[in-house]
Amino acid sequence: MNREKAKLVQMEVCATAKAMADQGLTAGTWGNIAGRIDDTYMVITPSGMDYSKLVPENMVIVNMNTLEYEGDLKPSIEVPVHAKLLLTRPEVNGVVHVHSSKALAVAVTRKGIPSICDDQVQILGGDIRCAEYTMPGSVEMAESVAKALEDRMGALIANHGSIAMGRSLKEALVGAAVLEKTAQIWIDVQTLGCYTTISEEDCDTFRDFFLHKYGQKKDCK
C-alpha cells in the first residue's frame, strides 16, 4: 500500500464527510463514506463520531478482502457494503451512503424511482432501484445493495437510506445530492397524478454524454 496515497484519501474522505453533513444529507453521526486507495485497501469513516470534529487521521484504513483495519478507531458498521462495491466495481473510487430524509421517505415504500430527471440519468445511470431490506452492516446488505447498483451509480436501501458511487468522491457526493433531489421530485410528482419517463435510449445518450463529453476538455499540452 502506498502510504502517501493513503494519507491523501484520508484527507479526501474526511473533507467529503464534512461536506455531506454541511449539505444536510445526514443527521447526527449516521451515514458513511469510503474512498479507494488501491485494489486491496480503502479508507472509510469511523463509527459513531461527530462529523464536525473529524480529522483525516480519524479515517480508518481497511483491507477490503479481510475487513481488518488499522488503528484504534472502529470503521463504520457498513464496511462490508463499501468493500463489496469497491472490490466489484473497479471504475468506482468513492462511495457515499446517507440517511437523507426524502430518499429515506421513498425507501420506506420499498419501491424505486423511474427515470424522470436528466441529471438523475446522467449521473446515476437511469432509474433508481431499491435494495431489499436487510440488517445494517451485514453481508446480506452488501449483496442486496450491490445487486440494486448493477449498471447504476445510485440506489435506495429499503427503510434505511440511499447510496451513491462515483469515479471520485466528489462525484459520489454529487450523486447522493442528485438522488435526494430526485426523491423530492418523485414525492412531488405523486400529487400531480401523472408523469412521463425518459426513454431508455435517451438515458443511454445522457449517460454517455456525462461520462465522455461533459465539462471542459483537459489541456493535452
C-alpha atoms as a PDB file:
ATOM      1  CA  MET A   1       0.000   0.000   0.000  1.00  0.00           C
ATOM      2  CA  ASN A   2       1.227   3.458  -0.919  1.00  0.00           C
ATOM      3  CA  ARG A   3       1.186   5.410   2.361  1.00  0.00           C
ATOM      4  CA  GLU A   4       1.240   8.800   0.684  1.00  0.00           C
ATOM      5  CA  LYS A   5      -1.795   7.831  -1.378  1.00  0.00           C
ATOM      6  CA  ALA A   6      -3.486   6.550   1.788  1.00  0.00           C
ATOM      7  CA  LYS A   7      -2.977   9.915   3.511  1.00  0.00           C
ATOM      8  CA  LEU A   8      -4.434  11.764   0.538  1.00  0.00           C
ATOM      9  CA  VAL A   9      -7.505   9.516   0.543  1.00  0.00           C
ATOM     10  CA  GLN A  10      -7.908  10.019   4.298  1.00  0.00           C
ATOM     11  CA  MET A  11      -7.946  13.783   3.719  1.00  0.00           C
ATOM     12  CA  GLU A  12     -10.477  13.435   0.901  1.00  0.00           C
ATOM     13  CA  VAL A  13     -12.791  11.119   2.840  1.00  0.00           C
ATOM     14  CA  CYS A  14     -12.708  13.470   5.837  1.00  0.00           C
ATOM     15  CA  ALA A  15     -13.477  16.523   3.687  1.00  0.00           C
ATOM     16  CA  THR A  16     -16.312  14.692   1.932  1.00  0.00           C
ATOM     17  CA  ALA A  17     -17.802  13.603   5.265  1.00  0.00           C
ATOM     18  CA  LYS A  18     -17.872  17.196   6.485  1.00  0.00           C
ATOM     19  CA  ALA A  19     -19.396  18.364   3.198  1.00  0.00           C
ATOM     20  CA  MET A  20     -22.046  15.643   3.436  1.00  0.00           C
ATOM     21  CA  ALA A  21     -23.043  16.857   6.904  1.00  0.00           C
ATOM     22  CA  ASP A  22     -22.944  20.524   5.865  1.00  0.00           C
ATOM     23  CA  GLN A  23     -25.303  19.791   2.962  1.00  0.00           C
ATOM     24  CA  GLY A  24     -27.825  18.249   5.336  1.00  0.00           C
ATOM     25  CA  LEU A  25     -27.622  14.832   3.706  1.00  0.00           C
ATOM     26  CA  THR A  26     -27.424  13.083   7.057  1.00  0.00           C
ATOM     27  CA  ALA A  27     -28.254  13.678  10.722  1.00  0.00           C
ATOM     28  CA  GLY A  28     -26.148  13.079  13.797  1.00  0.00           C
ATOM     29  CA  THR A  29     -23.418  10.534  13.202  1.00  0.00           C
ATOM     30  CA  TRP A  30     -25.373   8.494  10.615  1.00  0.00           C
ATOM     31  CA  GLY A  31     -24.089   7.896   7.098  1.00  0.00           C
ATOM     32  CA  ASN A  32     -20.641   6.794   5.973  1.00  0.00           C
ATOM     33  CA  ILE A  33     -18.125   7.389   3.206  1.00  0.00           C
ATOM     34  CA  ALA A  34     -15.347   5.306   1.673  1.00  0.00           C
ATOM     35  CA  GLY A  35     -12.590   6.011  -0.830  1.00  0.00           C
ATOM     36  CA  ARG A  36     -10.314   3.636  -2.701  1.00  0.00           C
ATOM     37  CA  ILE A  37      -6.576   3.537  -2.022  1.00  0.00           C
ATOM     38  CA  ASP A  38      -5.859   0.628  -4.361  1.00  0.00           C
ATOM     39  CA  ASP A  39      -7.284  -2.779  -5.265  1.00  0.00           C
ATOM     40  CA  THR A  40      -6.836  -4.058  -1.698  1.00  0.00           C
ATOM     41  CA  TYR A  41      -7.253  -1.124   0.678  1.00  0.00           C
ATOM     42  CA  MET A  42      -9.845   1.571   1.251  1.00  0.00           C
ATOM     43  CA  VAL A  43     -10.379   4.428   3.687  1.00  0.00           C
ATOM     44  CA  ILE A  44     -13.722   4.686   5.498  1.00  0.00           C
ATOM     45  CA  THR A  45     -15.246   6.988   8.099  1.00  0.00           C
ATOM     46  CA  PRO A  46     -15.096   5.783  11.732  1.00  0.00           C
ATOM     47  CA  SER A  47     -18.164   4.543  13.590  1.00  0.00           C
ATOM     48  CA  GLY A  48     -20.273   6.977  15.607  1.00  0.00           C
ATOM     49  CA  MET A  49     -18.127  10.111  15.548  1.00  0.00           C
ATOM     50  CA  ASP A  50     -19.271  13.736  15.199  1.00  0.00           C
ATOM     51  CA  TYR A  51     -18.512  14.847  11.645  1.00  0.00           C
ATOM     52  CA  SER A  52     -17.616  18.382  12.755  1.00  0.00           C
ATOM     53  CA  LYS A  53     -14.818  17.032  14.947  1.00  0.00           C
ATOM     54  CA  LEU A  54     -13.274  14.595  12.476  1.00  0.00           C
ATOM     55  CA  VAL A  55      -9.686  14.974  11.294  1.00  0.00           C
ATOM     56  CA  PRO A  56      -8.040  12.998   8.462  1.00  0.00           C
ATOM     57  CA  GLU A  57      -6.167  10.769  10.905  1.00  0.00           C
ATOM     58  CA  ASN A  58      -9.525   9.509  12.228  1.00  0.00           C
ATOM     59  CA  MET A  59     -10.348   7.963   8.855  1.00  0.00           C
ATOM     60  CA  VAL A  60      -9.846   4.203   9.055  1.00  0.00           C
ATOM     61  CA  ILE A  61      -7.716   2.193   6.632  1.00  0.00           C
ATOM     62  CA  VAL A  62      -9.356  -1.169   5.898  1.00  0.00           C
ATOM     63  CA  ASN A  63      -8.278  -4.254   3.976  1.00  0.00           C
ATOM     64  CA  MET A  64     -11.256  -4.835   1.679  1.00  0.00           C
ATOM     65  CA  ASN A  65     -10.647  -8.575   1.422  1.00  0.00           C
ATOM     66  CA  THR A  66     -10.348  -9.382   5.127  1.00  0.00           C
ATOM     67  CA  LEU A  67     -12.069  -6.285   6.639  1.00  0.00           C
ATOM     68  CA  GLU A  68      -9.142  -5.979   9.060  1.00  0.00           C
ATOM     69  CA  TYR A  69      -8.389  -2.366   9.939  1.00  0.00           C
ATOM     70  CA  GLU A  70      -5.537  -0.247  11.238  1.00  0.00           C
ATOM     71  CA  GLY A  71      -5.554   1.816  14.422  1.00  0.00           C
ATOM     72  CA  ASP A  72      -7.787   2.026  17.477  1.00  0.00           C
ATOM     73  CA  LEU A  73     -10.896   3.537  15.875  1.00  0.00           C
ATOM     74  CA  LYS A  74     -13.531   1.115  14.582  1.00  0.00           C
ATOM     75  CA  PRO A  75     -14.669   1.613  10.994  1.00  0.00           C
ATOM     76  CA  SER A  76     -18.302   2.232  10.138  1.00  0.00           C
ATOM     77  CA  ILE A  77     -20.591  -0.743  10.593  1.00  0.00           C
ATOM     78  CA  GLU A  78     -21.299  -0.551   6.854  1.00  0.00           C
ATOM     79  CA  VAL A  79     -17.737  -1.562   5.955  1.00  0.00           C
ATOM     80  CA  PRO A  80     -18.909  -4.783   4.197  1.00  0.00           C
ATOM     81  CA  VAL A  81     -21.074  -2.754   1.803  1.00  0.00           C
ATOM     82  CA  HIS A  82     -18.295  -0.347   0.844  1.00  0.00           C
ATOM     83  CA  ALA A  83     -15.749  -3.141   0.475  1.00  0.00           C
ATOM     84  CA  LYS A  84     -18.104  -5.157  -1.731  1.00  0.00           C
ATOM     85  CA  LEU A  85     -18.760  -2.228  -4.040  1.00  0.00           C
ATOM     86  CA  LEU A  86     -15.141  -1.155  -4.389  1.00  0.00           C
ATOM     87  CA  LEU A  87     -13.964  -4.725  -4.977  1.00  0.00           C
ATOM     88  CA  THR A  88     -16.558  -5.488  -7.652  1.00  0.00           C
ATOM     89  CA  ARG A  89     -16.732  -2.090  -9.378  1.00  0.00           C
ATOM     90  CA  PRO A  90     -13.197  -1.141 -10.471  1.00  0.00           C
ATOM     91  CA  GLU A  91     -14.435   2.085 -12.084  1.00  0.00           C
ATOM     92  CA  VAL A  92     -15.642   3.327  -8.678  1.00  0.00           C
ATOM     93  CA  ASN A  93     -13.289   5.248  -6.375  1.00  0.00           C
ATOM     94  CA  GLY A  94     -15.751   6.782  -3.945  1.00  0.00           C
ATOM     95  CA  VAL A  95     -18.926   5.661  -2.157  1.00  0.00           C
ATOM     96  CA  VAL A  96     -21.287   7.906  -0.163  1.00  0.00           C
ATOM     97  CA  HIS A  97     -24.072   6.402   1.967  1.00  0.00           C
ATOM     98  CA  VAL A  98     -26.568   8.795   3.559  1.00  0.00           C
ATOM     99  CA  HIS A  99     -29.824   8.721   5.503  1.00  0.00           C
ATOM    100  CA  SER A 100     -31.273  11.817   3.831  1.00  0.00           C
ATOM    101  CA  SER A 101     -34.953  12.459   4.552  1.00  0.00           C
ATOM    102  CA  LYS A 102     -36.514  12.445   1.074  1.00  0.00           C
ATOM    103  CA  ALA A 103     -34.603   9.421  -0.204  1.00  0.00           C
ATOM    104  CA  LEU A 104     -35.455   7.578   3.003  1.00  0.00           C
ATOM    105  CA  ALA A 105     -39.116   8.517   2.624  1.00  0.00           C
ATOM    106  CA  VAL A 106     -39.180   6.810  -0.769  1.00  0.00           C
ATOM    107  CA  ALA A 107     -37.076   3.895   0.526  1.00  0.00           C
ATOM    108  CA  VAL A 108     -39.750   3.231   3.163  1.00  0.00           C
ATOM    109  CA  THR A 109     -42.140   2.363   0.310  1.00  0.00           C
ATOM    110  CA  ARG A 110     -39.584  -0.281  -0.777  1.00  0.00           C
ATOM    111  CA  LYS A 111     -40.038   0.880  -4.360  1.00  0.00           C
ATOM    112  CA  GLY A 112     -37.655   2.586  -6.743  1.00  0.00           C
ATOM    113  CA  ILE A 113     -37.852   5.786  -8.784  1.00  0.00           C
ATOM    114  CA  PRO A 114     -38.266   5.690 -12.579  1.00  0.00           C
ATOM    115  CA  SER A 115     -36.090   7.694 -14.973  1.00  0.00           C
ATOM    116  CA  ILE A 116     -37.687  11.119 -14.568  1.00  0.00           C
ATOM    117  CA  CYS A 117     -34.837  13.678 -14.472  1.00  0.00           C
ATOM    118  CA  ASP A 118     -31.991  14.500 -16.862  1.00  0.00           C
ATOM    119  CA  ASP A 119     -29.350  14.851 -14.148  1.00  0.00           C
ATOM    120  CA  GLN A 120     -30.575  11.655 -12.491  1.00  0.00           C
ATOM    121  CA  VAL A 121     -29.946   9.535 -15.574  1.00  0.00           C
ATOM    122  CA  GLN A 122     -26.696  11.303 -16.438  1.00  0.00           C
ATOM    123  CA  ILE A 123     -25.084  10.887 -13.031  1.00  0.00           C
ATOM    124  CA  LEU A 124     -26.793   7.780 -11.645  1.00  0.00           C
ATOM    125  CA  GLY A 125     -27.278   5.884 -14.907  1.00  0.00           C
ATOM    126  CA  GLY A 126     -31.056   5.511 -15.153  1.00  0.00           C
ATOM    127  CA  ASP A 127     -33.898   4.538 -12.867  1.00  0.00           C
ATOM    128  CA  ILE A 128     -33.168   4.207  -9.152  1.00  0.00           C
ATOM    129  CA  ARG A 129     -33.759   0.748  -7.708  1.00  0.00           C
ATOM    130  CA  CYS A 130     -34.465  -0.069  -4.082  1.00  0.00           C
ATOM    131  CA  ALA A 131     -32.286  -2.699  -2.406  1.00  0.00           C
ATOM    132  CA  GLU A 132     -34.147  -5.260  -0.323  1.00  0.00           C
ATOM    133  CA  TYR A 133     -34.409  -4.725   3.424  1.00  0.00           C
ATOM    134  CA  THR A 134     -31.553  -6.378   5.328  1.00  0.00           C
ATOM    135  CA  MET A 135     -29.780  -5.844   8.625  1.00  0.00           C
ATOM    136  CA  PRO A 136     -27.343  -2.898   8.520  1.00  0.00           C
ATOM    137  CA  GLY A 137     -23.712  -3.920   8.321  1.00  0.00           C
ATOM    138  CA  SER A 138     -24.476  -7.456   7.204  1.00  0.00           C
ATOM    139  CA  VAL A 139     -23.115  -9.443   4.289  1.00  0.00           C
ATOM    140  CA  GLU A 140     -26.720  -9.722   3.127  1.00  0.00           C
ATOM    141  CA  MET A 141     -26.947  -5.931   2.916  1.00  0.00           C
ATOM    142  CA  ALA A 142     -23.748  -5.805   0.883  1.00  0.00           C
ATOM    143  CA  GLU A 143     -25.156  -8.334  -1.581  1.00  0.00           C
ATOM    144  CA  SER A 144     -28.555  -6.610  -1.791  1.00  0.00           C
ATOM    145  CA  VAL A 145     -27.043  -3.159  -2.365  1.00  0.00           C
ATOM    146  CA  ALA A 146     -24.586  -4.456  -4.980  1.00  0.00           C
ATOM    147  CA  LYS A 147     -27.482  -6.047  -6.870  1.00  0.00           C
ATOM    148  CA  ALA A 148     -29.524  -2.824  -6.829  1.00  0.00           C
ATOM    149  CA  LEU A 149     -26.483  -0.941  -8.144  1.00  0.00           C
ATOM    150  CA  GLU A 150     -25.837  -3.177 -11.157  1.00  0.00           C
ATOM    151  CA  ASP A 151     -25.244  -0.789 -14.106  1.00  0.00           C
ATOM    152  CA  ARG A 152     -26.148   2.113 -11.819  1.00  0.00           C
ATOM    153  CA  MET A 153     -24.331   4.632  -9.621  1.00  0.00           C
ATOM    154  CA  GLY A 154     -27.076   5.196  -7.080  1.00  0.00           C
ATOM    155  CA  ALA A 155     -29.741   3.218  -5.241  1.00  0.00           C
ATOM    156  CA  LEU A 156     -32.189   3.360  -2.366  1.00  0.00           C
ATOM    157  CA  ILE A 157     -31.897   0.945   0.557  1.00  0.00           C
ATOM    158  CA  ALA A 158     -35.259  -0.179   1.933  1.00  0.00           C
ATOM    159  CA  ASN A 159     -36.183   1.543   5.232  1.00  0.00           C
ATOM    160  CA  HIS A 160     -32.580   2.668   5.597  1.00  0.00           C
ATOM    161  CA  GLY A 161     -31.360   5.382   3.218  1.00  0.00           C
ATOM    162  CA  SER A 162     -29.555   5.765  -0.074  1.00  0.00           C
ATOM    163  CA  ILE A 163     -26.130   5.173  -1.577  1.00  0.00           C
ATOM    164  CA  ALA A 164     -24.221   6.753  -4.455  1.00  0.00           C
ATOM    165  CA  MET A 165     -20.915   5.956  -6.137  1.00  0.00           C
ATOM    166  CA  GLY A 166     -18.570   7.880  -8.368  1.00  0.00           C
ATOM    167  CA  ARG A 167     -15.311   7.852 -10.244  1.00  0.00           C
ATOM    168  CA  SER A 168     -14.229  10.180  -7.453  1.00  0.00           C
ATOM    169  CA  LEU A 169     -15.549  11.032  -4.008  1.00  0.00           C
ATOM    170  CA  LYS A 170     -16.611  14.421  -5.320  1.00  0.00           C
ATOM    171  CA  GLU A 171     -18.718  12.734  -7.992  1.00  0.00           C
ATOM    172  CA  ALA A 172     -20.197  10.312  -5.445  1.00  0.00           C
ATOM    173  CA  LEU A 173     -21.258  13.202  -3.201  1.00  0.00           C
ATOM    174  CA  VAL A 174     -22.891  14.953  -6.151  1.00  0.00           C
ATOM    175  CA  GLY A 175     -24.662  11.666  -6.896  1.00  0.00           C
ATOM    176  CA  ALA A 176     -26.007  11.499  -3.348  1.00  0.00           C
ATOM    177  CA  ALA A 177     -27.324  15.064  -3.627  1.00  0.00           C
ATOM    178  CA  VAL A 178     -28.917  14.368  -7.013  1.00  0.00           C
ATOM    179  CA  LEU A 179     -30.547  11.203  -5.654  1.00  0.00           C
ATOM    180  CA  GLU A 180     -32.017  13.198  -2.759  1.00  0.00           C
ATOM    181  CA  LYS A 181     -33.326  15.856  -5.163  1.00  0.00           C
ATOM    182  CA  THR A 182     -34.799  13.174  -7.434  1.00  0.00           C
ATOM    183  CA  ALA A 183     -36.571  11.632  -4.451  1.00  0.00           C
ATOM    184  CA  GLN A 184     -38.072  15.022  -3.588  1.00  0.00           C
ATOM    185  CA  ILE A 185     -39.286  15.470  -7.169  1.00  0.00           C
ATOM    186  CA  TRP A 186     -40.743  11.951  -7.189  1.00  0.00           C
ATOM    187  CA  ILE A 187     -42.678  12.721  -3.997  1.00  0.00           C
ATOM    188  CA  ASP A 188     -43.931  15.987  -5.526  1.00  0.00           C
ATOM    189  CA  VAL A 189     -44.958  14.194  -8.726  1.00  0.00           C
ATOM    190  CA  GLN A 190     -47.304  11.945  -6.754  1.00  0.00           C
ATOM    191  CA  THR A 191     -49.526  14.956  -6.015  1.00  0.00           C
ATOM    192  CA  LEU A 192     -49.807  15.742  -9.744  1.00  0.00           C
ATOM    193  CA  GLY A 193     -51.085  12.276 -10.557  1.00  0.00           C
ATOM    194  CA  CYS A 194     -49.090  11.685 -13.724  1.00  0.00           C
ATOM    195  CA  TYR A 195     -45.544  11.744 -15.076  1.00  0.00           C
ATOM    196  CA  THR A 196     -43.517  10.902 -18.185  1.00  0.00           C
ATOM    197  CA  THR A 197     -40.278   8.944 -18.027  1.00  0.00           C
ATOM    198  CA  ILE A 198     -37.147   9.411 -20.110  1.00  0.00           C
ATOM    199  CA  SER A 199     -36.711   6.655 -22.694  1.00  0.00           C
ATOM    200  CA  GLU A 200     -34.018   4.032 -22.255  1.00  0.00           C
ATOM    201  CA  GLU A 201     -32.342   5.251 -25.452  1.00  0.00           C
ATOM    202  CA  ASP A 202     -32.194   8.815 -24.168  1.00  0.00           C
ATOM    203  CA  CYS A 203     -30.935   7.573 -20.774  1.00  0.00           C
ATOM    204  CA  ASP A 204     -28.037   5.868 -22.537  1.00  0.00           C
ATOM    205  CA  THR A 205     -27.309   9.023 -24.545  1.00  0.00           C
ATOM    206  CA  PHE A 206     -27.358  11.238 -21.459  1.00  0.00           C
ATOM    207  CA  ARG A 207     -25.116   8.845 -19.515  1.00  0.00           C
ATOM    208  CA  ASP A 208     -22.589   8.634 -22.344  1.00  0.00           C
ATOM    209  CA  PHE A 209     -22.549  12.415 -22.609  1.00  0.00           C
ATOM    210  CA  PHE A 210     -21.860  12.782 -18.887  1.00  0.00           C
ATOM    211  CA  LEU A 211     -19.087  10.186 -18.898  1.00  0.00           C
ATOM    212  CA  HIS A 212     -17.269  11.303 -22.036  1.00  0.00           C
ATOM    213  CA  LYS A 213     -18.254  14.822 -23.077  1.00  0.00           C
ATOM    214  CA  TYR A 214     -19.490  16.800 -20.073  1.00  0.00           C
ATOM    215  CA  GLY A 215     -17.313  19.604 -18.706  1.00  0.00           C
ATOM    216  CA  GLN A 216     -14.138  21.191 -20.041  1.00  0.00           C
ATOM    217  CA  LYS A 217     -11.604  19.300 -22.134  1.00  0.00           C
ATOM    218  CA  LYS A 218      -8.248  18.807 -20.473  1.00  0.00           C
ATOM    219  CA  ASP A 219      -5.264  20.589 -21.967  1.00  0.00           C
ATOM    220  CA  CYS A 220      -3.152  17.921 -23.667  1.00  0.00           C
ATOM    221  CA  LYS A 221      -0.025  20.070 -23.793  1.00  0.00           C
END
